[in-house]
mmCIF file of all heavy atoms, coordinates in Angstrom:
data_MODEL
# 
_entry.id   MODEL 
# 
loop_
_atom_site.group_PDB 
_atom_site.id 
_atom_site.type_symbol 
_atom_site.label_atom_id 
_atom_site.label_alt_id 
_atom_site.label_comp_id 
_atom_site.label_asym_id 
_atom_site.label_entity_id 
_atom_site.label_seq_id 
_atom_site.pdbx_PDB_ins_code 
_atom_site.Cartn_x 
_atom_site.Cartn_y 
_atom_site.Cartn_z 
_atom_site.occupancy 
_atom_site.B_iso_or_equiv 
_atom_site.pdbx_formal_charge 
_atom_site.auth_seq_id 
_atom_site.auth_comp_id 
_atom_site.auth_asym_id 
_atom_site.auth_atom_id 
_atom_site.pdbx_PDB_model_num 
ATOM 1   N N   . PRO A 1 1  ? 155.563 231.316 241.335 1.00 0.00 ? 1  PRO A N   1 
ATOM 2   C CA  . PRO A 1 1  ? 155.682 229.987 240.708 1.00 0.00 ? 1  PRO A CA  1 
ATOM 3   C C   . PRO A 1 1  ? 157.104 229.753 240.185 1.00 0.00 ? 1  PRO A C   1 
ATOM 4   O O   . PRO A 1 1  ? 157.867 230.694 239.991 1.00 0.00 ? 1  PRO A O   1 
ATOM 5   C CB  . PRO A 1 1  ? 154.706 230.066 239.543 1.00 0.00 ? 1  PRO A CB  1 
ATOM 6   C CG  . PRO A 1 1  ? 154.645 231.511 239.189 1.00 0.00 ? 1  PRO A CG  1 
ATOM 7   C CD  . PRO A 1 1  ? 154.849 232.261 240.483 1.00 0.00 ? 1  PRO A CD  1 
ATOM 8   N N   . ASN A 1 2  ? 157.423 228.510 239.976 1.00 0.00 ? 2  ASN A N   1 
ATOM 9   C CA  . ASN A 1 2  ? 158.724 228.125 239.443 1.00 0.00 ? 2  ASN A CA  1 
ATOM 10  C C   . ASN A 1 2  ? 158.512 226.928 238.539 1.00 0.00 ? 2  ASN A C   1 
ATOM 11  O O   . ASN A 1 2  ? 158.067 225.896 239.027 1.00 0.00 ? 2  ASN A O   1 
ATOM 12  C CB  . ASN A 1 2  ? 159.682 227.764 240.572 1.00 0.00 ? 2  ASN A CB  1 
ATOM 13  C CG  . ASN A 1 2  ? 161.099 227.549 240.085 1.00 0.00 ? 2  ASN A CG  1 
ATOM 14  O OD1 . ASN A 1 2  ? 161.519 228.121 239.100 1.00 0.00 ? 2  ASN A OD1 1 
ATOM 15  N ND2 . ASN A 1 2  ? 161.837 226.718 240.799 1.00 0.00 ? 2  ASN A ND2 1 
ATOM 16  N N   . PRO A 1 3  ? 158.775 226.993 237.257 1.00 0.00 ? 3  PRO A N   1 
ATOM 17  C CA  . PRO A 1 3  ? 159.329 228.087 236.478 1.00 0.00 ? 3  PRO A CA  1 
ATOM 18  C C   . PRO A 1 3  ? 158.336 229.246 236.345 1.00 0.00 ? 3  PRO A C   1 
ATOM 19  O O   . PRO A 1 3  ? 157.146 229.076 236.573 1.00 0.00 ? 3  PRO A O   1 
ATOM 20  C CB  . PRO A 1 3  ? 159.633 227.458 235.128 1.00 0.00 ? 3  PRO A CB  1 
ATOM 21  C CG  . PRO A 1 3  ? 158.770 226.268 235.031 1.00 0.00 ? 3  PRO A CG  1 
ATOM 22  C CD  . PRO A 1 3  ? 158.533 225.802 236.434 1.00 0.00 ? 3  PRO A CD  1 
ATOM 23  N N   . PHE A 1 4  ? 158.844 230.412 235.936 1.00 0.00 ? 4  PHE A N   1 
ATOM 24  C CA  . PHE A 1 4  ? 157.995 231.601 235.905 1.00 0.00 ? 4  PHE A CA  1 
ATOM 25  C C   . PHE A 1 4  ? 158.313 232.494 234.724 1.00 0.00 ? 4  PHE A C   1 
ATOM 26  O O   . PHE A 1 4  ? 159.365 232.401 234.119 1.00 0.00 ? 4  PHE A O   1 
ATOM 27  C CB  . PHE A 1 4  ? 158.141 232.398 237.204 1.00 0.00 ? 4  PHE A CB  1 
ATOM 28  C CG  . PHE A 1 4  ? 159.477 233.057 237.357 1.00 0.00 ? 4  PHE A CG  1 
ATOM 29  C CD1 . PHE A 1 4  ? 159.655 234.373 236.980 1.00 0.00 ? 4  PHE A CD1 1 
ATOM 30  C CD2 . PHE A 1 4  ? 160.553 232.366 237.885 1.00 0.00 ? 4  PHE A CD2 1 
ATOM 31  C CE1 . PHE A 1 4  ? 160.880 234.994 237.123 1.00 0.00 ? 4  PHE A CE1 1 
ATOM 32  C CE2 . PHE A 1 4  ? 161.781 232.979 238.040 1.00 0.00 ? 4  PHE A CE2 1 
ATOM 33  C CZ  . PHE A 1 4  ? 161.954 234.294 237.652 1.00 0.00 ? 4  PHE A CZ  1 
ATOM 34  N N   . ASN A 1 5  ? 157.363 233.355 234.430 1.00 0.00 ? 5  ASN A N   1 
ATOM 35  C CA  . ASN A 1 5  ? 157.483 234.441 233.476 1.00 0.00 ? 5  ASN A CA  1 
ATOM 36  C C   . ASN A 1 5  ? 156.206 235.254 233.596 1.00 0.00 ? 5  ASN A C   1 
ATOM 37  O O   . ASN A 1 5  ? 155.140 234.689 233.458 1.00 0.00 ? 5  ASN A O   1 
ATOM 38  C CB  . ASN A 1 5  ? 157.662 233.935 232.047 1.00 0.00 ? 5  ASN A CB  1 
ATOM 39  C CG  . ASN A 1 5  ? 157.806 235.067 231.054 1.00 0.00 ? 5  ASN A CG  1 
ATOM 40  O OD1 . ASN A 1 5  ? 158.299 236.122 231.382 1.00 0.00 ? 5  ASN A OD1 1 
ATOM 41  N ND2 . ASN A 1 5  ? 157.347 234.840 229.844 1.00 0.00 ? 5  ASN A ND2 1 
ATOM 42  N N   . PRO A 1 6  ? 156.180 236.484 233.870 1.00 0.00 ? 6  PRO A N   1 
ATOM 43  C CA  . PRO A 1 6  ? 157.274 237.439 234.001 1.00 0.00 ? 6  PRO A CA  1 
ATOM 44  C C   . PRO A 1 6  ? 157.658 237.739 235.445 1.00 0.00 ? 6  PRO A C   1 
ATOM 45  O O   . PRO A 1 6  ? 158.594 238.466 235.683 1.00 0.00 ? 6  PRO A O   1 
ATOM 46  C CB  . PRO A 1 6  ? 156.713 238.684 233.345 1.00 0.00 ? 6  PRO A CB  1 
ATOM 47  C CG  . PRO A 1 6  ? 155.276 238.652 233.732 1.00 0.00 ? 6  PRO A CG  1 
ATOM 48  C CD  . PRO A 1 6  ? 154.915 237.181 233.735 1.00 0.00 ? 6  PRO A CD  1 
ATOM 49  N N   . SER A 1 7  ? 156.902 237.220 236.459 1.00 0.00 ? 7  SER A N   1 
ATOM 50  C CA  . SER A 1 7  ? 157.241 237.570 237.838 1.00 0.00 ? 7  SER A CA  1 
ATOM 51  C C   . SER A 1 7  ? 157.111 236.359 238.747 1.00 0.00 ? 7  SER A C   1 
ATOM 52  O O   . SER A 1 7  ? 156.410 235.392 238.433 1.00 0.00 ? 7  SER A O   1 
ATOM 53  C CB  . SER A 1 7  ? 156.351 238.707 238.346 1.00 0.00 ? 7  SER A CB  1 
ATOM 54  O OG  . SER A 1 7  ? 155.026 238.272 238.454 1.00 0.00 ? 7  SER A OG  1 
ATOM 55  N N   . THR A 1 8  ? 157.773 236.446 239.891 1.00 0.00 ? 8  THR A N   1 
ATOM 56  C CA  . THR A 1 8  ? 157.730 235.388 240.889 1.00 0.00 ? 8  THR A CA  1 
ATOM 57  C C   . THR A 1 8  ? 157.864 236.016 242.269 1.00 0.00 ? 8  THR A C   1 
ATOM 58  O O   . THR A 1 8  ? 158.250 237.180 242.392 1.00 0.00 ? 8  THR A O   1 
ATOM 59  C CB  . THR A 1 8  ? 158.860 234.354 240.659 1.00 0.00 ? 8  THR A CB  1 
ATOM 60  O OG1 . THR A 1 8  ? 158.669 233.237 241.529 1.00 0.00 ? 8  THR A OG1 1 
ATOM 61  C CG2 . THR A 1 8  ? 160.232 234.948 240.889 1.00 0.00 ? 8  THR A CG2 1 
ATOM 62  N N   . LYS A 1 9  ? 157.537 235.256 243.309 1.00 0.00 ? 9  LYS A N   1 
ATOM 63  C CA  . LYS A 1 9  ? 157.651 235.739 244.682 1.00 0.00 ? 9  LYS A CA  1 
ATOM 64  C C   . LYS A 1 9  ? 158.603 234.833 245.454 1.00 0.00 ? 9  LYS A C   1 
ATOM 65  O O   . LYS A 1 9  ? 158.558 233.618 245.332 1.00 0.00 ? 9  LYS A O   1 
ATOM 66  C CB  . LYS A 1 9  ? 156.288 235.760 245.369 1.00 0.00 ? 9  LYS A CB  1 
ATOM 67  C CG  . LYS A 1 9  ? 155.363 236.785 244.768 1.00 0.00 ? 9  LYS A CG  1 
ATOM 68  C CD  . LYS A 1 9  ? 154.070 236.865 245.516 1.00 0.00 ? 9  LYS A CD  1 
ATOM 69  C CE  . LYS A 1 9  ? 153.189 237.933 244.879 1.00 0.00 ? 9  LYS A CE  1 
ATOM 70  N NZ  . LYS A 1 9  ? 151.936 238.096 245.587 1.00 0.00 ? 9  LYS A NZ  1 
ATOM 71  N N   . ILE A 1 10 ? 159.456 235.472 246.262 1.00 0.00 ? 10 ILE A N   1 
ATOM 72  C CA  . ILE A 1 10 ? 160.419 234.762 247.095 1.00 0.00 ? 10 ILE A CA  1 
ATOM 73  C C   . ILE A 1 10 ? 160.130 235.130 248.541 1.00 0.00 ? 10 ILE A C   1 
ATOM 74  O O   . ILE A 1 10 ? 160.105 236.310 248.897 1.00 0.00 ? 10 ILE A O   1 
ATOM 75  C CB  . ILE A 1 10 ? 161.862 235.147 246.729 1.00 0.00 ? 10 ILE A CB  1 
ATOM 76  C CG1 . ILE A 1 10 ? 162.155 234.796 245.273 1.00 0.00 ? 10 ILE A CG1 1 
ATOM 77  C CG2 . ILE A 1 10 ? 162.849 234.450 247.662 1.00 0.00 ? 10 ILE A CG2 1 
ATOM 78  C CD1 . ILE A 1 10 ? 163.477 235.322 244.764 1.00 0.00 ? 10 ILE A CD1 1 
ATOM 79  N N   . GLY A 1 11 ? 159.906 234.128 249.373 1.00 0.00 ? 11 GLY A N   1 
ATOM 80  C CA  . GLY A 1 11 ? 159.619 234.352 250.783 1.00 0.00 ? 11 GLY A CA  1 
ATOM 81  C C   . GLY A 1 11 ? 160.781 233.936 251.660 1.00 0.00 ? 11 GLY A C   1 
ATOM 82  O O   . GLY A 1 11 ? 161.512 232.998 251.341 1.00 0.00 ? 11 GLY A O   1 
ATOM 83  N N   . PHE A 1 12 ? 160.946 234.646 252.772 1.00 0.00 ? 12 PHE A N   1 
ATOM 84  C CA  . PHE A 1 12 ? 161.959 234.264 253.750 1.00 0.00 ? 12 PHE A CA  1 
ATOM 85  C C   . PHE A 1 12 ? 161.514 234.722 255.122 1.00 0.00 ? 12 PHE A C   1 
ATOM 86  O O   . PHE A 1 12 ? 160.652 235.594 255.257 1.00 0.00 ? 12 PHE A O   1 
ATOM 87  C CB  . PHE A 1 12 ? 163.338 234.833 253.385 1.00 0.00 ? 12 PHE A CB  1 
ATOM 88  C CG  . PHE A 1 12 ? 163.428 236.334 253.321 1.00 0.00 ? 12 PHE A CG  1 
ATOM 89  C CD1 . PHE A 1 12 ? 163.798 237.072 254.424 1.00 0.00 ? 12 PHE A CD1 1 
ATOM 90  C CD2 . PHE A 1 12 ? 163.136 237.010 252.146 1.00 0.00 ? 12 PHE A CD2 1 
ATOM 91  C CE1 . PHE A 1 12 ? 163.900 238.456 254.369 1.00 0.00 ? 12 PHE A CE1 1 
ATOM 92  C CE2 . PHE A 1 12 ? 163.233 238.385 252.063 1.00 0.00 ? 12 PHE A CE2 1 
ATOM 93  C CZ  . PHE A 1 12 ? 163.604 239.110 253.178 1.00 0.00 ? 12 PHE A CZ  1 
ATOM 94  N N   . GLN A 1 13 ? 162.081 234.099 256.150 1.00 0.00 ? 13 GLN A N   1 
ATOM 95  C CA  . GLN A 1 13 ? 161.769 234.487 257.514 1.00 0.00 ? 13 GLN A CA  1 
ATOM 96  C C   . GLN A 1 13 ? 163.060 234.628 258.307 1.00 0.00 ? 13 GLN A C   1 
ATOM 97  O O   . GLN A 1 13 ? 164.010 233.875 258.102 1.00 0.00 ? 13 GLN A O   1 
ATOM 98  C CB  . GLN A 1 13 ? 160.837 233.481 258.180 1.00 0.00 ? 13 GLN A CB  1 
ATOM 99  C CG  . GLN A 1 13 ? 161.384 232.072 258.276 1.00 0.00 ? 13 GLN A CG  1 
ATOM 100 C CD  . GLN A 1 13 ? 160.330 231.098 258.779 1.00 0.00 ? 13 GLN A CD  1 
ATOM 101 O OE1 . GLN A 1 13 ? 159.152 231.249 258.502 1.00 0.00 ? 13 GLN A OE1 1 
ATOM 102 N NE2 . GLN A 1 13 ? 160.769 230.101 259.521 1.00 0.00 ? 13 GLN A NE2 1 
ATOM 103 N N   . ILE A 1 14 ? 163.075 235.636 259.180 1.00 0.00 ? 14 ILE A N   1 
ATOM 104 C CA  . ILE A 1 14 ? 164.234 235.870 260.029 1.00 0.00 ? 14 ILE A CA  1 
ATOM 105 C C   . ILE A 1 14 ? 163.753 236.067 261.470 1.00 0.00 ? 14 ILE A C   1 
ATOM 106 O O   . ILE A 1 14 ? 162.765 236.760 261.704 1.00 0.00 ? 14 ILE A O   1 
ATOM 107 C CB  . ILE A 1 14 ? 165.074 237.075 259.547 1.00 0.00 ? 14 ILE A CB  1 
ATOM 108 C CG1 . ILE A 1 14 ? 164.220 238.331 259.386 1.00 0.00 ? 14 ILE A CG1 1 
ATOM 109 C CG2 . ILE A 1 14 ? 165.769 236.756 258.236 1.00 0.00 ? 14 ILE A CG2 1 
ATOM 110 C CD1 . ILE A 1 14 ? 165.006 239.575 259.023 1.00 0.00 ? 14 ILE A CD1 1 
ATOM 111 N N   . PRO A 1 15 ? 164.438 235.432 262.434 1.00 0.00 ? 15 PRO A N   1 
ATOM 112 C CA  . PRO A 1 15 ? 163.974 235.494 263.826 1.00 0.00 ? 15 PRO A CA  1 
ATOM 113 C C   . PRO A 1 15 ? 164.388 236.756 264.580 1.00 0.00 ? 15 PRO A C   1 
ATOM 114 O O   . PRO A 1 15 ? 163.881 237.014 265.665 1.00 0.00 ? 15 PRO A O   1 
ATOM 115 C CB  . PRO A 1 15 ? 164.612 234.258 264.458 1.00 0.00 ? 15 PRO A CB  1 
ATOM 116 C CG  . PRO A 1 15 ? 165.831 234.018 263.657 1.00 0.00 ? 15 PRO A CG  1 
ATOM 117 C CD  . PRO A 1 15 ? 165.511 234.468 262.259 1.00 0.00 ? 15 PRO A CD  1 
ATOM 118 N N   . SER A 1 16 ? 165.314 237.541 264.032 1.00 0.00 ? 16 SER A N   1 
ATOM 119 C CA  . SER A 1 16 ? 165.751 238.767 264.701 1.00 0.00 ? 16 SER A CA  1 
ATOM 120 C C   . SER A 1 16 ? 166.064 239.824 263.640 1.00 0.00 ? 16 SER A C   1 
ATOM 121 O O   . SER A 1 16 ? 166.228 239.497 262.469 1.00 0.00 ? 16 SER A O   1 
ATOM 122 C CB  . SER A 1 16 ? 166.992 238.494 265.558 1.00 0.00 ? 16 SER A CB  1 
ATOM 123 O OG  . SER A 1 16 ? 168.045 237.991 264.756 1.00 0.00 ? 16 SER A OG  1 
ATOM 124 N N   . ASP A 1 17 ? 166.133 241.068 264.065 1.00 0.00 ? 17 ASP A N   1 
ATOM 125 C CA  . ASP A 1 17 ? 166.476 242.143 263.133 1.00 0.00 ? 17 ASP A CA  1 
ATOM 126 C C   . ASP A 1 17 ? 167.878 241.887 262.596 1.00 0.00 ? 17 ASP A C   1 
ATOM 127 O O   . ASP A 1 17 ? 168.820 241.688 263.373 1.00 0.00 ? 17 ASP A O   1 
ATOM 128 C CB  . ASP A 1 17 ? 166.438 243.502 263.832 1.00 0.00 ? 17 ASP A CB  1 
ATOM 129 C CG  . ASP A 1 17 ? 165.039 243.876 264.303 1.00 0.00 ? 17 ASP A CG  1 
ATOM 130 O OD1 . ASP A 1 17 ? 164.101 243.100 264.045 1.00 0.00 ? 17 ASP A OD1 1 
ATOM 131 O OD2 . ASP A 1 17 ? 164.897 244.938 264.920 1.00 0.00 ? 17 ASP A OD2 1 
ATOM 132 N N   . GLU A 1 18 ? 168.020 241.875 261.269 1.00 0.00 ? 18 GLU A N   1 
ATOM 133 C CA  . GLU A 1 18 ? 169.301 241.559 260.635 1.00 0.00 ? 18 GLU A CA  1 
ATOM 134 C C   . GLU A 1 18 ? 169.473 242.383 259.364 1.00 0.00 ? 18 GLU A C   1 
ATOM 135 O O   . GLU A 1 18 ? 168.491 242.791 258.743 1.00 0.00 ? 18 GLU A O   1 
ATOM 136 C CB  . GLU A 1 18 ? 169.370 240.080 260.242 1.00 0.00 ? 18 GLU A CB  1 
ATOM 137 C CG  . GLU A 1 18 ? 169.361 239.100 261.385 1.00 0.00 ? 18 GLU A CG  1 
ATOM 138 C CD  . GLU A 1 18 ? 170.674 239.008 262.131 1.00 0.00 ? 18 GLU A CD  1 
ATOM 139 O OE1 . GLU A 1 18 ? 171.684 239.577 261.671 1.00 0.00 ? 18 GLU A OE1 1 
ATOM 140 O OE2 . GLU A 1 18 ? 170.675 238.380 263.199 1.00 0.00 ? 18 GLU A OE2 1 
ATOM 141 N N   . PHE A 1 19 ? 170.730 242.561 258.970 1.00 0.00 ? 19 PHE A N   1 
ATOM 142 C CA  . PHE A 1 19 ? 171.021 243.112 257.652 1.00 0.00 ? 19 PHE A CA  1 
ATOM 143 C C   . PHE A 1 19 ? 170.875 241.963 256.666 1.00 0.00 ? 19 PHE A C   1 
ATOM 144 O O   . PHE A 1 19 ? 171.503 240.909 256.813 1.00 0.00 ? 19 PHE A O   1 
ATOM 145 C CB  . PHE A 1 19 ? 172.427 243.706 257.580 1.00 0.00 ? 19 PHE A CB  1 
ATOM 146 C CG  . PHE A 1 19 ? 172.699 244.377 256.271 1.00 0.00 ? 19 PHE A CG  1 
ATOM 147 C CD1 . PHE A 1 19 ? 172.226 245.653 256.018 1.00 0.00 ? 19 PHE A CD1 1 
ATOM 148 C CD2 . PHE A 1 19 ? 173.384 243.709 255.270 1.00 0.00 ? 19 PHE A CD2 1 
ATOM 149 C CE1 . PHE A 1 19 ? 172.461 246.274 254.804 1.00 0.00 ? 19 PHE A CE1 1 
ATOM 150 C CE2 . PHE A 1 19 ? 173.623 244.317 254.046 1.00 0.00 ? 19 PHE A CE2 1 
ATOM 151 C CZ  . PHE A 1 19 ? 173.159 245.601 253.811 1.00 0.00 ? 19 PHE A CZ  1 
ATOM 152 N N   . VAL A 1 20 ? 170.026 242.132 255.659 1.00 0.00 ? 20 VAL A N   1 
ATOM 153 C CA  . VAL A 1 20 ? 169.659 241.051 254.742 1.00 0.00 ? 20 VAL A CA  1 
ATOM 154 C C   . VAL A 1 20 ? 170.052 241.424 253.321 1.00 0.00 ? 20 VAL A C   1 
ATOM 155 O O   . VAL A 1 20 ? 169.830 242.558 252.884 1.00 0.00 ? 20 VAL A O   1 
ATOM 156 C CB  . VAL A 1 20 ? 168.135 240.785 254.803 1.00 0.00 ? 20 VAL A CB  1 
ATOM 157 C CG1 . VAL A 1 20 ? 167.719 239.737 253.798 1.00 0.00 ? 20 VAL A CG1 1 
ATOM 158 C CG2 . VAL A 1 20 ? 167.727 240.384 256.208 1.00 0.00 ? 20 VAL A CG2 1 
ATOM 159 N N   . THR A 1 21 ? 170.626 240.451 252.609 1.00 0.00 ? 21 THR A N   1 
ATOM 160 C CA  . THR A 1 21 ? 170.837 240.607 251.171 1.00 0.00 ? 21 THR A CA  1 
ATOM 161 C C   . THR A 1 21 ? 170.184 239.424 250.477 1.00 0.00 ? 21 THR A C   1 
ATOM 162 O O   . THR A 1 21 ? 170.246 238.296 250.956 1.00 0.00 ? 21 THR A O   1 
ATOM 163 C CB  . THR A 1 21 ? 172.337 240.658 250.786 1.00 0.00 ? 21 THR A CB  1 
ATOM 164 O OG1 . THR A 1 21 ? 172.957 239.437 251.174 1.00 0.00 ? 21 THR A OG1 1 
ATOM 165 C CG2 . THR A 1 21 ? 173.031 241.827 251.430 1.00 0.00 ? 21 THR A CG2 1 
ATOM 166 N N   . LEU A 1 22 ? 169.524 239.711 249.373 1.00 0.00 ? 22 LEU A N   1 
ATOM 167 C CA  . LEU A 1 22 ? 168.920 238.691 248.525 1.00 0.00 ? 22 LEU A CA  1 
ATOM 168 C C   . LEU A 1 22 ? 169.345 239.007 247.101 1.00 0.00 ? 22 LEU A C   1 
ATOM 169 O O   . LEU A 1 22 ? 168.941 240.026 246.541 1.00 0.00 ? 22 LEU A O   1 
ATOM 170 C CB  . LEU A 1 22 ? 167.403 238.694 248.655 1.00 0.00 ? 22 LEU A CB  1 
ATOM 171 C CG  . LEU A 1 22 ? 166.638 237.668 247.832 1.00 0.00 ? 22 LEU A CG  1 
ATOM 172 C CD1 . LEU A 1 22 ? 167.063 236.244 248.197 1.00 0.00 ? 22 LEU A CD1 1 
ATOM 173 C CD2 . LEU A 1 22 ? 165.139 237.825 248.028 1.00 0.00 ? 22 LEU A CD2 1 
ATOM 174 N N   . LYS A 1 23 ? 170.189 238.137 246.541 1.00 0.00 ? 23 LYS A N   1 
ATOM 175 C CA  . LYS A 1 23 ? 170.773 238.407 245.228 1.00 0.00 ? 23 LYS A CA  1 
ATOM 176 C C   . LYS A 1 23 ? 170.496 237.253 244.273 1.00 0.00 ? 23 LYS A C   1 
ATOM 177 O O   . LYS A 1 23 ? 170.391 236.108 244.692 1.00 0.00 ? 23 LYS A O   1 
ATOM 178 C CB  . LYS A 1 23 ? 172.284 238.630 245.354 1.00 0.00 ? 23 LYS A CB  1 
ATOM 179 C CG  . LYS A 1 23 ? 172.612 239.849 246.199 1.00 0.00 ? 23 LYS A CG  1 
ATOM 180 C CD  . LYS A 1 23 ? 174.083 240.085 246.285 1.00 0.00 ? 23 LYS A CD  1 
ATOM 181 C CE  . LYS A 1 23 ? 174.331 241.347 247.125 1.00 0.00 ? 23 LYS A CE  1 
ATOM 182 N NZ  . LYS A 1 23 ? 175.732 241.700 247.172 1.00 0.00 ? 23 LYS A NZ  1 
ATOM 183 N N   . ILE A 1 24 ? 170.407 237.601 242.995 1.00 0.00 ? 24 ILE A N   1 
ATOM 184 C CA  . ILE A 1 24 ? 170.169 236.633 241.928 1.00 0.00 ? 24 ILE A CA  1 
ATOM 185 C C   . ILE A 1 24 ? 171.462 236.454 241.146 1.00 0.00 ? 24 ILE A C   1 
ATOM 186 O O   . ILE A 1 24 ? 172.107 237.440 240.773 1.00 0.00 ? 24 ILE A O   1 
ATOM 187 C CB  . ILE A 1 24 ? 169.063 237.121 240.968 1.00 0.00 ? 24 ILE A CB  1 
ATOM 188 C CG1 . ILE A 1 24 ? 167.825 237.574 241.736 1.00 0.00 ? 24 ILE A CG1 1 
ATOM 189 C CG2 . ILE A 1 24 ? 168.732 236.053 239.936 1.00 0.00 ? 24 ILE A CG2 1 
ATOM 190 C CD1 . ILE A 1 24 ? 167.140 236.505 242.533 1.00 0.00 ? 24 ILE A CD1 1 
ATOM 191 N N   . TYR A 1 25 ? 171.816 235.190 240.888 1.00 0.00 ? 25 TYR A N   1 
ATOM 192 C CA  . TYR A 1 25 ? 173.030 234.860 240.133 1.00 0.00 ? 25 TYR A CA  1 
ATOM 193 C C   . TYR A 1 25 ? 172.671 234.007 238.936 1.00 0.00 ? 25 TYR A C   1 
ATOM 194 O O   . TYR A 1 25 ? 171.735 233.195 238.999 1.00 0.00 ? 25 TYR A O   1 
ATOM 195 C CB  . TYR A 1 25 ? 174.020 234.088 241.015 1.00 0.00 ? 25 TYR A CB  1 
ATOM 196 C CG  . TYR A 1 25 ? 174.545 234.895 242.174 1.00 0.00 ? 25 TYR A CG  1 
ATOM 197 C CD1 . TYR A 1 25 ? 173.892 234.896 243.404 1.00 0.00 ? 25 TYR A CD1 1 
ATOM 198 C CD2 . TYR A 1 25 ? 175.697 235.655 242.042 1.00 0.00 ? 25 TYR A CD2 1 
ATOM 199 C CE1 . TYR A 1 25 ? 174.379 235.635 244.469 1.00 0.00 ? 25 TYR A CE1 1 
ATOM 200 C CE2 . TYR A 1 25 ? 176.189 236.404 243.106 1.00 0.00 ? 25 TYR A CE2 1 
ATOM 201 C CZ  . TYR A 1 25 ? 175.517 236.389 244.312 1.00 0.00 ? 25 TYR A CZ  1 
ATOM 202 O OH  . TYR A 1 25 ? 175.991 237.129 245.358 1.00 0.00 ? 25 TYR A OH  1 
# 
């Protein structure tokens, strides 16, 4: 959910094998 406390889920999809970074700022 958004807004959230204490946890949330982030989904993403990629069409091929890739090096992935997911960062919070």
